[in-house]
Amino acid sequence: MNVLTEQAPPLVFTSSAAAKVAELIQEEGHPGLMLRIYIQGGGCSGFQYGFTFEEAVQEDDTTVETDGIKLLIDPLSLPYLVGAEIDYTEGLQGAQFVIRNPNATTTCGCGSSFSA
């Protein structure tokens, strides 16, 4: 397991996103849950982001922690997410998780698909 505490984390997991994840975990009634972000093939631009809750850290996961909330990243997804920012915003377009990814050369209108 790669826990990044001494060096800069590979991506930014904002306090706003961590607060929303904490709220969702509380709704699930399982305080030990962690959020996993992953990249999979598909979507209108070639790759798409996915989120799921996990109960355990896998041996080769990278962990980024903000405000006590853990974000897990598998080794295959990590290169696509280095330098990205995971945020949660509420605005005129509604409330949503937003991923600002410098590795994405193009993105789709929905914001959940990209190409690298």
PDB file of N, CA and C in Angstrom:
ATOM      1  N   MET A   1       0.852  -1.174   0.000  1.00  0.00           N
ATOM      2  CA  MET A   1       0.000   0.000   0.000  1.00  0.00           C
ATOM      3  C   MET A   1       0.892   1.228   0.000  1.00  0.00           C
ATOM      4  N   ASN A   2       0.594   2.161  -0.867  1.00  0.00           N
ATOM      5  CA  ASN A   2       1.325   3.424  -0.933  1.00  0.00           C
ATOM      6  C   ASN A   2       0.531   4.488  -0.200  1.00  0.00           C
ATOM      7  N   VAL A   3       0.987   4.885   0.962  1.00  0.00           N
ATOM      8  CA  VAL A   3       0.335   5.965   1.688  1.00  0.00           C
ATOM      9  C   VAL A   3       1.222   7.189   1.542  1.00  0.00           C
ATOM     10  N   LEU A   4       0.669   8.224   0.972  1.00  0.00           N
ATOM     11  CA  LEU A   4       1.448   9.424   0.708  1.00  0.00           C
ATOM     12  C   LEU A   4       1.225  10.429   1.823  1.00  0.00           C
ATOM     13  N   THR A   5       2.176  10.506   2.720  1.00  0.00           N
ATOM     14  CA  THR A   5       2.044  11.447   3.821  1.00  0.00           C
ATOM     15  C   THR A   5       3.190  12.443   3.800  1.00  0.00           C
ATOM     16  N   GLU A   6       4.400  11.997   3.526  1.00  0.00           N
ATOM     17  CA  GLU A   6       5.576  12.863   3.569  1.00  0.00           C
ATOM     18  C   GLU A   6       5.705  13.699   2.303  1.00  0.00           C
ATOM     19  N   GLN A   7       5.387  13.123   1.170  1.00  0.00           N
ATOM     20  CA  GLN A   7       5.530  13.831  -0.097  1.00  0.00           C
ATOM     21  C   GLN A   7       4.178  14.353  -0.556  1.00  0.00           C
ATOM     22  N   ALA A   8       4.220  15.194  -1.555  1.00  0.00           N
ATOM     23  CA  ALA A   8       2.974  15.762  -2.082  1.00  0.00           C
ATOM     24  C   ALA A   8       2.114  14.638  -2.666  1.00  0.00           C
ATOM     25  N   PRO A   9       0.806  14.673  -2.411  1.00  0.00           N
ATOM     26  CA  PRO A   9      -0.066  13.635  -2.972  1.00  0.00           C
ATOM     27  C   PRO A   9      -0.121  13.743  -4.496  1.00  0.00           C
ATOM     28  N   PRO A  10      -0.436  12.630  -5.174  1.00  0.00           N
ATOM     29  CA  PRO A  10      -0.456  12.637  -6.639  1.00  0.00           C
ATOM     30  C   PRO A  10      -1.612  13.442  -7.209  1.00  0.00           C
ATOM     31  N   LEU A  11      -2.629  13.692  -6.381  1.00  0.00           N
ATOM     32  CA  LEU A  11      -3.757  14.498  -6.836  1.00  0.00           C
ATOM     33  C   LEU A  11      -4.326  15.244  -5.644  1.00  0.00           C
ATOM     34  N   VAL A  12      -5.177  16.218  -5.937  1.00  0.00           N
ATOM     35  CA  VAL A  12      -5.803  17.016  -4.889  1.00  0.00           C
ATOM     36  C   VAL A  12      -7.214  16.488  -4.655  1.00  0.00           C
ATOM     37  N   PHE A  13      -7.499  16.151  -3.420  1.00  0.00           N
ATOM     38  CA  PHE A  13      -8.821  15.712  -2.977  1.00  0.00           C
ATOM     39  C   PHE A  13      -9.292  16.815  -2.041  1.00  0.00           C
ATOM     40  N   THR A  14     -10.144  17.711  -2.546  1.00  0.00           N
ATOM     41  CA  THR A  14     -10.488  18.919  -1.802  1.00  0.00           C
ATOM     42  C   THR A  14     -11.314  18.636  -0.551  1.00  0.00           C
ATOM     43  N   SER A  15     -11.294  19.591   0.357  1.00  0.00           N
ATOM     44  CA  SER A  15     -12.099  19.484   1.580  1.00  0.00           C
ATOM     45  C   SER A  15     -13.581  19.425   1.255  1.00  0.00           C
ATOM     46  N   SER A  16     -13.992  20.144   0.218  1.00  0.00           N
ATOM     47  CA  SER A  16     -15.397  20.121  -0.199  1.00  0.00           C
ATOM     48  C   SER A  16     -15.803  18.721  -0.654  1.00  0.00           C
ATOM     49  N   ALA A  17     -14.940  18.074  -1.428  1.00  0.00           N
ATOM     50  CA  ALA A  17     -15.225  16.711  -1.888  1.00  0.00           C
ATOM     51  C   ALA A  17     -15.209  15.741  -0.710  1.00  0.00           C
ATOM     52  N   ALA A  18     -14.244  15.895   0.186  1.00  0.00           N
ATOM     53  CA  ALA A  18     -14.161  15.016   1.349  1.00  0.00           C
ATOM     54  C   ALA A  18     -15.402  15.158   2.234  1.00  0.00           C
ATOM     55  N   ALA A  19     -15.889  16.388   2.393  1.00  0.00           N
ATOM     56  CA  ALA A  19     -17.088  16.621   3.212  1.00  0.00           C
ATOM     57  C   ALA A  19     -18.305  15.927   2.605  1.00  0.00           C
ATOM     58  N   LYS A  20     -18.439  15.985   1.269  1.00  0.00           N
ATOM     59  CA  LYS A  20     -19.562  15.328   0.611  1.00  0.00           C
ATOM     60  C   LYS A  20     -19.453  13.808   0.746  1.00  0.00           C
ATOM     61  N   VAL A  21     -18.243  13.286   0.583  1.00  0.00           N
ATOM     62  CA  VAL A  21     -18.037  11.846   0.732  1.00  0.00           C
ATOM     63  C   VAL A  21     -18.364  11.428   2.164  1.00  0.00           C
ATOM     64  N   ALA A  22     -17.957  12.223   3.156  1.00  0.00           N
ATOM     65  CA  ALA A  22     -18.277  11.917   4.558  1.00  0.00           C
ATOM     66  C   ALA A  22     -19.786  11.866   4.760  1.00  0.00           C
ATOM     67  N   GLU A  23     -20.500  12.789   4.117  1.00  0.00           N
ATOM     68  CA  GLU A  23     -21.963  12.807   4.199  1.00  0.00           C
ATOM     69  C   GLU A  23     -22.559  11.538   3.589  1.00  0.00           C
ATOM     70  N   LEU A  24     -22.038  11.128   2.444  1.00  0.00           N
ATOM     71  CA  LEU A  24     -22.528   9.919   1.778  1.00  0.00           C
ATOM     72  C   LEU A  24     -22.222   8.666   2.596  1.00  0.00           C
ATOM     73  N   ILE A  25     -21.042   8.632   3.211  1.00  0.00           N
ATOM     74  CA  ILE A  25     -20.669   7.500   4.058  1.00  0.00           C
ATOM     75  C   ILE A  25     -21.608   7.418   5.260  1.00  0.00           C
ATOM     76  N   GLN A  26     -21.926   8.578   5.828  1.00  0.00           N
ATOM     77  CA  GLN A  26     -22.843   8.604   6.966  1.00  0.00           C
ATOM     78  C   GLN A  26     -24.223   8.087   6.561  1.00  0.00           C
ATOM     79  N   GLU A  27     -24.673   8.466   5.364  1.00  0.00           N
ATOM     80  CA  GLU A  27     -25.962   7.976   4.865  1.00  0.00           C
ATOM     81  C   GLU A  27     -25.951   6.460   4.691  1.00  0.00           C
ATOM     82  N   GLU A  28     -24.801   5.917   4.309  1.00  0.00           N
ATOM     83  CA  GLU A  28     -24.667   4.461   4.138  1.00  0.00           C
ATOM     84  C   GLU A  28     -24.657   3.748   5.480  1.00  0.00           C
ATOM     85  N   GLY A  29     -24.332   4.470   6.556  1.00  0.00           N
ATOM     86  CA  GLY A  29     -24.301   3.871   7.883  1.00  0.00           C
ATOM     87  C   GLY A  29     -23.124   2.951   8.112  1.00  0.00           C
ATOM     88  N   HIS A  30     -22.031   3.179   7.375  1.00  0.00           N
ATOM     89  CA  HIS A  30     -20.842   2.331   7.491  1.00  0.00           C
ATOM     90  C   HIS A  30     -19.617   3.243   7.559  1.00  0.00           C
ATOM     91  N   PRO A  31     -19.217   3.664   8.758  1.00  0.00           N
ATOM     92  CA  PRO A  31     -18.153   4.662   8.900  1.00  0.00           C
ATOM     93  C   PRO A  31     -16.779   4.232   8.392  1.00  0.00           C
ATOM     94  N   GLY A  32     -16.558   2.960   8.143  1.00  0.00           N
ATOM     95  CA  GLY A  32     -15.267   2.485   7.663  1.00  0.00           C
ATOM     96  C   GLY A  32     -15.083   2.561   6.155  1.00  0.00           C
ATOM     97  N   LEU A  33     -16.081   3.027   5.431  1.00  0.00           N
ATOM     98  CA  LEU A  33     -15.985   3.062   3.971  1.00  0.00           C
ATOM     99  C   LEU A  33     -14.968   4.096   3.493  1.00  0.00           C
ATOM    100  N   MET A  34     -14.383   3.808   2.336  1.00  0.00           N
ATOM    101  CA  MET A  34     -13.456   4.714   1.656  1.00  0.00           C
ATOM    102  C   MET A  34     -13.930   4.852   0.216  1.00  0.00           C
ATOM    103  N   LEU A  35     -13.601   5.975  -0.415  1.00  0.00           N
ATOM    104  CA  LEU A  35     -14.005   6.206  -1.792  1.00  0.00           C
ATOM    105  C   LEU A  35     -12.886   5.793  -2.731  1.00  0.00           C
ATOM    106  N   ARG A  36     -13.227   5.001  -3.731  1.00  0.00           N
ATOM    107  CA  ARG A  36     -12.267   4.631  -4.779  1.00  0.00           C
ATOM    108  C   ARG A  36     -12.626   5.387  -6.046  1.00  0.00           C
ATOM    109  N   ILE A  37     -11.611   5.998  -6.666  1.00  0.00           N
ATOM    110  CA  ILE A  37     -11.769   6.574  -7.999  1.00  0.00           C
ATOM    111  C   ILE A  37     -10.959   5.696  -8.945  1.00  0.00           C
ATOM    112  N   TYR A  38     -11.535   5.436 -10.114  1.00  0.00           N
ATOM    113  CA  TYR A  38     -10.841   4.590 -11.074  1.00  0.00           C
ATOM    114  C   TYR A  38     -11.144   5.067 -12.492  1.00  0.00           C
ATOM    115  N   ILE A  39     -10.312   4.624 -13.396  1.00  0.00           N
ATOM    116  CA  ILE A  39     -10.456   4.938 -14.816  1.00  0.00           C
ATOM    117  C   ILE A  39     -10.782   3.638 -15.529  1.00  0.00           C
ATOM    118  N   GLN A  40     -11.758   3.709 -16.429  1.00  0.00           N
ATOM    119  CA  GLN A  40     -12.078   2.535 -17.229  1.00  0.00           C
ATOM    120  C   GLN A  40     -12.294   2.976 -18.672  1.00  0.00           C
ATOM    121  N   GLY A  41     -12.143   2.041 -19.575  1.00  0.00           N
ATOM    122  CA  GLY A  41     -12.394   2.326 -20.976  1.00  0.00           C
ATOM    123  C   GLY A  41     -13.873   2.563 -21.210  1.00  0.00           C
ATOM    124  N   GLY A  42     -14.182   3.452 -22.143  1.00  0.00           N
ATOM    125  CA  GLY A  42     -15.585   3.713 -22.461  1.00  0.00           C
ATOM    126  C   GLY A  42     -15.883   5.187 -22.462  1.00  0.00           C
ATOM    127  N   GLY A  43     -17.151   5.512 -22.478  1.00  0.00           N
ATOM    128  CA  GLY A  43     -17.539   6.917 -22.543  1.00  0.00           C
ATOM    129  C   GLY A  43     -17.371   7.452 -23.949  1.00  0.00           C
ATOM    130  N   CYS A  44     -17.796   8.655 -24.163  1.00  0.00           N
ATOM    131  CA  CYS A  44     -17.752   9.218 -25.513  1.00  0.00           C
ATOM    132  C   CYS A  44     -16.363   9.707 -25.911  1.00  0.00           C
ATOM    133  N   SER A  45     -15.413   9.761 -24.978  1.00  0.00           N
ATOM    134  CA  SER A  45     -14.073  10.246 -25.304  1.00  0.00           C
ATOM    135  C   SER A  45     -12.984   9.196 -25.110  1.00  0.00           C
ATOM    136  N   GLY A  46     -13.331   7.961 -24.792  1.00  0.00           N
ATOM    137  CA  GLY A  46     -12.345   6.891 -24.695  1.00  0.00           C
ATOM    138  C   GLY A  46     -12.130   6.331 -23.303  1.00  0.00           C
ATOM    139  N   PHE A  47     -12.087   7.200 -22.293  1.00  0.00           N
ATOM    140  CA  PHE A  47     -11.939   6.782 -20.904  1.00  0.00           C
ATOM    141  C   PHE A  47     -13.047   7.443 -20.098  1.00  0.00           C
ATOM    142  N   GLN A  48     -13.418   6.807 -18.998  1.00  0.00           N
ATOM    143  CA  GLN A  48     -14.378   7.463 -18.118  1.00  0.00           C
ATOM    144  C   GLN A  48     -13.991   7.223 -16.661  1.00  0.00           C
ATOM    145  N   TYR A  49     -14.402   8.157 -15.826  1.00  0.00           N
ATOM    146  CA  TYR A  49     -14.141   8.078 -14.400  1.00  0.00           C
ATOM    147  C   TYR A  49     -15.212   7.230 -13.737  1.00  0.00           C
ATOM    148  N   GLY A  50     -14.822   6.534 -12.709  1.00  0.00           N
ATOM    149  CA  GLY A  50     -15.772   5.783 -11.913  1.00  0.00           C
ATOM    150  C   GLY A  50     -15.485   5.990 -10.439  1.00  0.00           C
ATOM    151  N   PHE A  51     -16.521   5.911  -9.626  1.00  0.00           N
ATOM    152  CA  PHE A  51     -16.402   6.019  -8.177  1.00  0.00           C
ATOM    153  C   PHE A  51     -17.143   4.851  -7.549  1.00  0.00           C
ATOM    154  N   THR A  52     -16.596   4.322  -6.482  1.00  0.00           N
ATOM    155  CA  THR A  52     -17.270   3.285  -5.722  1.00  0.00           C
ATOM    156  C   THR A  52     -16.781   3.334  -4.281  1.00  0.00           C
ATOM    157  N   PHE A  53     -17.568   2.820  -3.376  1.00  0.00           N
ATOM    158  CA  PHE A  53     -17.128   2.722  -1.987  1.00  0.00           C
ATOM    159  C   PHE A  53     -16.448   1.379  -1.773  1.00  0.00           C
ATOM    160  N   GLU A  54     -15.412   1.385  -0.956  1.00  0.00           N
ATOM    161  CA  GLU A  54     -14.655   0.177  -0.620  1.00  0.00           C
ATOM    162  C   GLU A  54     -14.557   0.058   0.893  1.00  0.00           C
ATOM    163  N   GLU A  55     -14.452  -1.176   1.360  1.00  0.00           N
ATOM    164  CA  GLU A  55     -14.279  -1.421   2.791  1.00  0.00           C
ATOM    165  C   GLU A  55     -12.823  -1.666   3.160  1.00  0.00           C
ATOM    166  N   ALA A  56     -11.999  -2.025   2.172  1.00  0.00           N
ATOM    167  CA  ALA A  56     -10.606  -2.362   2.459  1.00  0.00           C
ATOM    168  C   ALA A  56      -9.674  -1.748   1.421  1.00  0.00           C
ATOM    169  N   VAL A  57      -8.473  -1.427   1.858  1.00  0.00           N
ATOM    170  CA  VAL A  57      -7.423  -0.935   0.981  1.00  0.00           C
ATOM    171  C   VAL A  57      -6.719  -2.133   0.375  1.00  0.00           C
ATOM    172  N   GLN A  58      -6.520  -2.138  -0.938  1.00  0.00           N
ATOM    173  CA  GLN A  58      -5.778  -3.208  -1.589  1.00  0.00           C
ATOM    174  C   GLN A  58      -4.280  -2.939  -1.442  1.00  0.00           C
ATOM    175  N   GLU A  59      -3.483  -3.973  -1.518  1.00  0.00           N
ATOM    176  CA  GLU A  59      -2.045  -3.876  -1.267  1.00  0.00           C
ATOM    177  C   GLU A  59      -1.347  -2.839  -2.147  1.00  0.00           C
ATOM    178  N   ASP A  60      -1.755  -2.719  -3.402  1.00  0.00           N
ATOM    179  CA  ASP A  60      -1.066  -1.818  -4.324  1.00  0.00           C
ATOM    180  C   ASP A  60      -1.795  -0.485  -4.537  1.00  0.00           C
ATOM    181  N   ASP A  61      -2.787  -0.184  -3.701  1.00  0.00           N
ATOM    182  CA  ASP A  61      -3.506   1.088  -3.800  1.00  0.00           C
ATOM    183  C   ASP A  61      -2.646   2.252  -3.324  1.00  0.00           C
ATOM    184  N   THR A  62      -2.894   3.399  -3.896  1.00  0.00           N
ATOM    185  CA  THR A  62      -2.374   4.663  -3.387  1.00  0.00           C
ATOM    186  C   THR A  62      -3.519   5.310  -2.630  1.00  0.00           C
ATOM    187  N   THR A  63      -3.235   5.842  -1.459  1.00  0.00           N
ATOM    188  CA  THR A  63      -4.249   6.443  -0.604  1.00  0.00           C
ATOM    189  C   THR A  63      -3.962   7.931  -0.448  1.00  0.00           C
ATOM    190  N   VAL A  64      -4.984   8.743  -0.681  1.00  0.00           N
ATOM    191  CA  VAL A  64      -4.906  10.173  -0.426  1.00  0.00           C
ATOM    192  C   VAL A  64      -5.973  10.479   0.614  1.00  0.00           C
ATOM    193  N   GLU A  65      -5.574  11.137   1.700  1.00  0.00           N
ATOM    194  CA  GLU A  65      -6.518  11.400   2.776  1.00  0.00           C
ATOM    195  C   GLU A  65      -6.704  12.898   2.975  1.00  0.00           C
ATOM    196  N   THR A  66      -7.965  13.312   3.050  1.00  0.00           N
ATOM    197  CA  THR A  66      -8.318  14.705   3.322  1.00  0.00           C
ATOM    198  C   THR A  66      -9.379  14.711   4.401  1.00  0.00           C
ATOM    199  N   ASP A  67      -9.124  15.448   5.465  1.00  0.00           N
ATOM    200  CA  ASP A  67     -10.080  15.607   6.569  1.00  0.00           C
ATOM    201  C   ASP A  67     -10.588  14.259   7.090  1.00  0.00           C
ATOM    202  N   GLY A  68      -9.704  13.253   7.127  1.00  0.00           N
ATOM    203  CA  GLY A  68     -10.070  11.949   7.657  1.00  0.00           C
ATOM    204  C   GLY A  68     -10.773  11.029   6.676  1.00  0.00           C
ATOM    205  N   ILE A  69     -11.007  11.486   5.455  1.00  0.00           N
ATOM    206  CA  ILE A  69     -11.667  10.675   4.429  1.00  0.00           C
ATOM    207  C   ILE A  69     -10.603  10.166   3.450  1.00  0.00           C
ATOM    208  N   LYS A  70     -10.615   8.860   3.210  1.00  0.00           N
ATOM    209  CA  LYS A  70      -9.612   8.254   2.337  1.00  0.00           C
ATOM    210  C   LYS A  70     -10.144   8.068   0.925  1.00  0.00           C
ATOM    211  N   LEU A  71      -9.303   8.468  -0.027  1.00  0.00           N
ATOM    212  CA  LEU A  71      -9.546   8.265  -1.449  1.00  0.00           C
ATOM    213  C   LEU A  71      -8.537   7.223  -1.908  1.00  0.00           C
ATOM    214  N   LEU A  72      -9.020   6.152  -2.544  1.00  0.00           N
ATOM    215  CA  LEU A  72      -8.163   5.064  -3.013  1.00  0.00           C
ATOM    216  C   LEU A  72      -8.022   5.121  -4.522  1.00  0.00           C
ATOM    217  N   ILE A  73      -6.797   4.821  -4.999  1.00  0.00           N
ATOM    218  CA  ILE A  73      -6.518   4.827  -6.440  1.00  0.00           C
ATOM    219  C   ILE A  73      -5.710   3.577  -6.761  1.00  0.00           C
ATOM    220  N   ASP A  74      -6.189   2.791  -7.712  1.00  0.00           N
ATOM    221  CA  ASP A  74      -5.460   1.584  -8.098  1.00  0.00           C
ATOM    222  C   ASP A  74      -4.284   1.963  -8.998  1.00  0.00           C
ATOM    223  N   PRO A  75      -3.267   1.087  -9.112  1.00  0.00           N
ATOM    224  CA  PRO A  75      -2.061   1.430  -9.859  1.00  0.00           C
ATOM    225  C   PRO A  75      -2.279   1.652 -11.356  1.00  0.00           C
ATOM    226  N   LEU A  76      -3.301   1.054 -11.954  1.00  0.00           N
ATOM    227  CA  LEU A  76      -3.548   1.264 -13.377  1.00  0.00           C
ATOM    228  C   LEU A  76      -4.198   2.618 -13.637  1.00  0.00           C
ATOM    229  N   SER A  77      -4.988   3.112 -12.697  1.00  0.00           N
ATOM    230  CA  SER A  77      -5.667   4.400 -12.855  1.00  0.00           C
ATOM    231  C   SER A  77      -4.774   5.577 -12.473  1.00  0.00           C
ATOM    232  N   LEU A  78      -3.822   5.339 -11.569  1.00  0.00           N
ATOM    233  CA  LEU A  78      -3.004   6.419 -11.025  1.00  0.00           C
ATOM    234  C   LEU A  78      -2.331   7.293 -12.093  1.00  0.00           C
ATOM    235  N   PRO A  79      -1.684   6.726 -13.131  1.00  0.00           N
ATOM    236  CA  PRO A  79      -1.020   7.592 -14.109  1.00  0.00           C
ATOM    237  C   PRO A  79      -1.967   8.576 -14.811  1.00  0.00           C
ATOM    238  N   TYR A  80      -3.227   8.212 -14.949  1.00  0.00           N
ATOM    239  CA  TYR A  80      -4.207   9.083 -15.595  1.00  0.00           C
ATOM    240  C   TYR A  80      -4.711  10.180 -14.656  1.00  0.00           C
ATOM    241  N   LEU A  81      -4.439  10.030 -13.361  1.00  0.00           N
ATOM    242  CA  LEU A  81      -4.982  10.963 -12.370  1.00  0.00           C
ATOM    243  C   LEU A  81      -3.939  11.849 -11.701  1.00  0.00           C
ATOM    244  N   VAL A  82      -2.649  11.609 -11.966  1.00  0.00           N
ATOM    245  CA  VAL A  82      -1.603  12.422 -11.351  1.00  0.00           C
ATOM    246  C   VAL A  82      -1.799  13.885 -11.746  1.00  0.00           C
ATOM    247  N   GLY A  83      -1.832  14.750 -10.745  1.00  0.00           N
ATOM    248  CA  GLY A  83      -2.003  16.181 -10.973  1.00  0.00           C
ATOM    249  C   GLY A  83      -3.450  16.640 -11.044  1.00  0.00           C
ATOM    250  N   ALA A  84      -4.392  15.705 -10.980  1.00  0.00           N
ATOM    251  CA  ALA A  84      -5.812  16.055 -11.075  1.00  0.00           C
ATOM    252  C   ALA A  84      -6.328  16.615  -9.747  1.00  0.00           C
ATOM    253  N   GLU A  85      -7.484  17.228  -9.805  1.00  0.00           N
ATOM    254  CA  GLU A  85      -8.173  17.720  -8.613  1.00  0.00           C
ATOM    255  C   GLU A  85      -9.574  17.145  -8.593  1.00  0.00           C
ATOM    256  N   ILE A  86      -9.928  16.513  -7.472  1.00  0.00           N
ATOM    257  CA  ILE A  86     -11.275  15.983  -7.259  1.00  0.00           C
ATOM    258  C   ILE A  86     -11.975  16.971  -6.336  1.00  0.00           C
ATOM    259  N   ASP A  87     -13.044  17.589  -6.816  1.00  0.00           N
ATOM    260  CA  ASP A  87     -13.744  18.618  -6.061  1.00  0.00           C
ATOM    261  C   ASP A  87     -15.240  18.320  -6.078  1.00  0.00           C
ATOM    262  N   TYR A  88     -15.974  18.988  -5.218  1.00  0.00           N
ATOM    263  CA  TYR A  88     -17.425  18.898  -5.189  1.00  0.00           C
ATOM    264  C   TYR A  88     -17.960  20.316  -5.229  1.00  0.00           C
ATOM    265  N   THR A  89     -18.826  20.592  -6.185  1.00  0.00           N
ATOM    266  CA  THR A  89     -19.354  21.942  -6.335  1.00  0.00           C
ATOM    267  C   THR A  89     -20.878  21.919  -6.364  1.00  0.00           C
ATOM    268  N   GLU A  90     -21.443  23.013  -5.923  1.00  0.00           N
ATOM    269  CA  GLU A  90     -22.885  23.229  -6.006  1.00  0.00           C
ATOM    270  C   GLU A  90     -23.092  24.567  -6.689  1.00  0.00           C
ATOM    271  N   GLY A  91     -23.870  24.559  -7.768  1.00  0.00           N
ATOM    272  CA  GLY A  91     -24.091  25.789  -8.511  1.00  0.00           C
ATOM    273  C   GLY A  91     -25.362  25.708  -9.328  1.00  0.00           C
ATOM    274  N   LEU A  92     -25.447  26.560 -10.334  1.00  0.00           N
ATOM    275  CA  LEU A  92     -26.628  26.617 -11.179  1.00  0.00           C
ATOM    276  C   LEU A  92     -26.870  25.314 -11.926  1.00  0.00           C
ATOM    277  N   GLN A  93     -25.799  24.593 -12.227  1.00  0.00           N
ATOM    278  CA  GLN A  93     -25.931  23.324 -12.946  1.00  0.00           C
ATOM    279  C   GLN A  93     -26.192  22.151 -12.008  1.00  0.00           C
ATOM    280  N   GLY A  94     -26.356  22.434 -10.727  1.00  0.00           N
ATOM    281  CA  GLY A  94     -26.616  21.381  -9.752  1.00  0.00           C
ATOM    282  C   GLY A  94     -25.380  21.066  -8.950  1.00  0.00           C
ATOM    283  N   ALA A  95     -25.482  20.075  -8.118  1.00  0.00           N
ATOM    284  CA  ALA A  95     -24.376  19.632  -7.273  1.00  0.00           C
ATOM    285  C   ALA A  95     -23.714  18.426  -7.929  1.00  0.00           C
ATOM    286  N   GLN A  96     -22.368  18.449  -7.961  1.00  0.00           N
ATOM    287  CA  GLN A  96     -21.676  17.351  -8.629  1.00  0.00           C
ATOM    288  C   GLN A  96     -20.206  17.293  -8.231  1.00  0.00           C
ATOM    289  N   PHE A  97     -19.639  16.103  -8.357  1.00  0.00           N
ATOM    290  CA  PHE A  97     -18.198  15.964  -8.239  1.00  0.00           C
ATOM    291  C   PHE A  97     -17.593  16.435  -9.554  1.00  0.00           C
ATOM    292  N   VAL A  98     -16.513  17.186  -9.455  1.00  0.00           N
ATOM    293  CA  VAL A  98     -15.835  17.713 -10.634  1.00  0.00           C
ATOM    294  C   VAL A  98     -14.394  17.232 -10.600  1.00  0.00           C
ATOM    295  N   ILE A  99     -13.926  16.726 -11.729  1.00  0.00           N
ATOM    296  CA  ILE A  99     -12.541  16.279 -11.847  1.00  0.00           C
ATOM    297  C   ILE A  99     -11.846  17.196 -12.844  1.00  0.00           C
ATOM    298  N   ARG A 100     -10.867  17.932 -12.345  1.00  0.00           N
ATOM    299  CA  ARG A 100     -10.040  18.787 -13.207  1.00  0.00           C
ATOM    300  C   ARG A 100      -8.746  18.025 -13.436  1.00  0.00           C
ATOM    301  N   ASN A 101      -8.580  17.519 -14.655  1.00  0.00           N
ATOM    302  CA  ASN A 101      -7.486  16.604 -14.950  1.00  0.00           C
ATOM    303  C   ASN A 101      -6.587  17.165 -16.045  1.00  0.00           C
ATOM    304  N   PRO A 102      -5.344  17.535 -15.706  1.00  0.00           N
ATOM    305  CA  PRO A 102      -4.428  18.065 -16.716  1.00  0.00           C
ATOM    306  C   PRO A 102      -3.978  17.018 -17.731  1.00  0.00           C
ATOM    307  N   ASN A 103      -4.212  15.744 -17.454  1.00  0.00           N
ATOM    308  CA  ASN A 103      -3.829  14.666 -18.370  1.00  0.00           C
ATOM    309  C   ASN A 103      -4.853  14.446 -19.473  1.00  0.00           C
ATOM    310  N   ALA A 104      -6.032  15.018 -19.317  1.00  0.00           N
ATOM    311  CA  ALA A 104      -7.097  14.844 -20.308  1.00  0.00           C
ATOM    312  C   ALA A 104      -6.877  15.829 -21.452  1.00  0.00           C
ATOM    313  N   THR A 105      -6.692  15.288 -22.653  1.00  0.00           N
ATOM    314  CA  THR A 105      -6.497  16.165 -23.808  1.00  0.00           C
ATOM    315  C   THR A 105      -7.828  16.667 -24.345  1.00  0.00           C
ATOM    316  N   THR A 106      -8.866  15.863 -24.226  1.00  0.00           N
ATOM    317  CA  THR A 106     -10.223  16.294 -24.572  1.00  0.00           C
ATOM    318  C   THR A 106     -11.179  15.718 -23.546  1.00  0.00           C
ATOM    319  N   THR A 107     -12.275  16.407 -23.330  1.00  0.00           N
ATOM    320  CA  THR A 107     -13.302  15.913 -22.422  1.00  0.00           C
ATOM    321  C   THR A 107     -14.645  16.023 -23.112  1.00  0.00           C
ATOM    322  N   CYS A 108     -15.609  15.296 -22.605  1.00  0.00           N
ATOM    323  CA  CYS A 108     -16.951  15.370 -23.168  1.00  0.00           C
ATOM    324  C   CYS A 108     -17.777  16.379 -22.376  1.00  0.00           C
ATOM    325  N   GLY A 109     -18.939  16.700 -22.865  1.00  0.00           N
ATOM    326  CA  GLY A 109     -19.808  17.667 -22.229  1.00  0.00           C
ATOM    327  C   GLY A 109     -20.282  17.261 -20.849  1.00  0.00           C
ATOM    328  N   CYS A 110     -20.389  15.953 -20.604  1.00  0.00           N
ATOM    329  CA  CYS A 110     -20.887  15.498 -19.301  1.00  0.00           C
ATOM    330  C   CYS A 110     -19.827  15.559 -18.223  1.00  0.00           C
ATOM    331  N   GLY A 111     -18.554  15.661 -18.616  1.00  0.00           N
ATOM    332  CA  GLY A 111     -17.478  15.760 -17.643  1.00  0.00           C
ATOM    333  C   GLY A 111     -17.038  14.454 -17.039  1.00  0.00           C
ATOM    334  N   SER A 112     -17.642  13.342 -17.446  1.00  0.00           N
ATOM    335  CA  SER A 112     -17.239  12.056 -16.868  1.00  0.00           C
ATOM    336  C   SER A 112     -16.408  11.216 -17.826  1.00  0.00           C
ATOM    337  N   SER A 113     -16.126  11.738 -19.014  1.00  0.00           N
ATOM    338  CA  SER A 113     -15.362  11.008 -20.007  1.00  0.00           C
ATOM    339  C   SER A 113     -14.252  11.902 -20.546  1.00  0.00           C
ATOM    340  N   PHE A 114     -13.108  11.285 -20.904  1.00  0.00           N
ATOM    341  CA  PHE A 114     -11.982  12.051 -21.400  1.00  0.00           C
ATOM    342  C   PHE A 114     -11.099  11.174 -22.284  1.00  0.00           C
ATOM    343  N   SER A 115     -10.172  11.810 -22.983  1.00  0.00           N
ATOM    344  CA  SER A 115      -9.132  11.082 -23.685  1.00  0.00           C
ATOM    345  C   SER A 115      -7.803  11.639 -23.227  1.00  0.00           C
ATOM    346  N   ALA A 116      -6.787  10.785 -23.271  1.00  0.00           N
ATOM    347  CA  ALA A 116      -5.463  11.201 -22.791  1.00  0.00           C
ATOM    348  C   ALA A 116      -4.450  11.140 -23.912  1.00  0.00           C
TER     349      ALA A 116
END
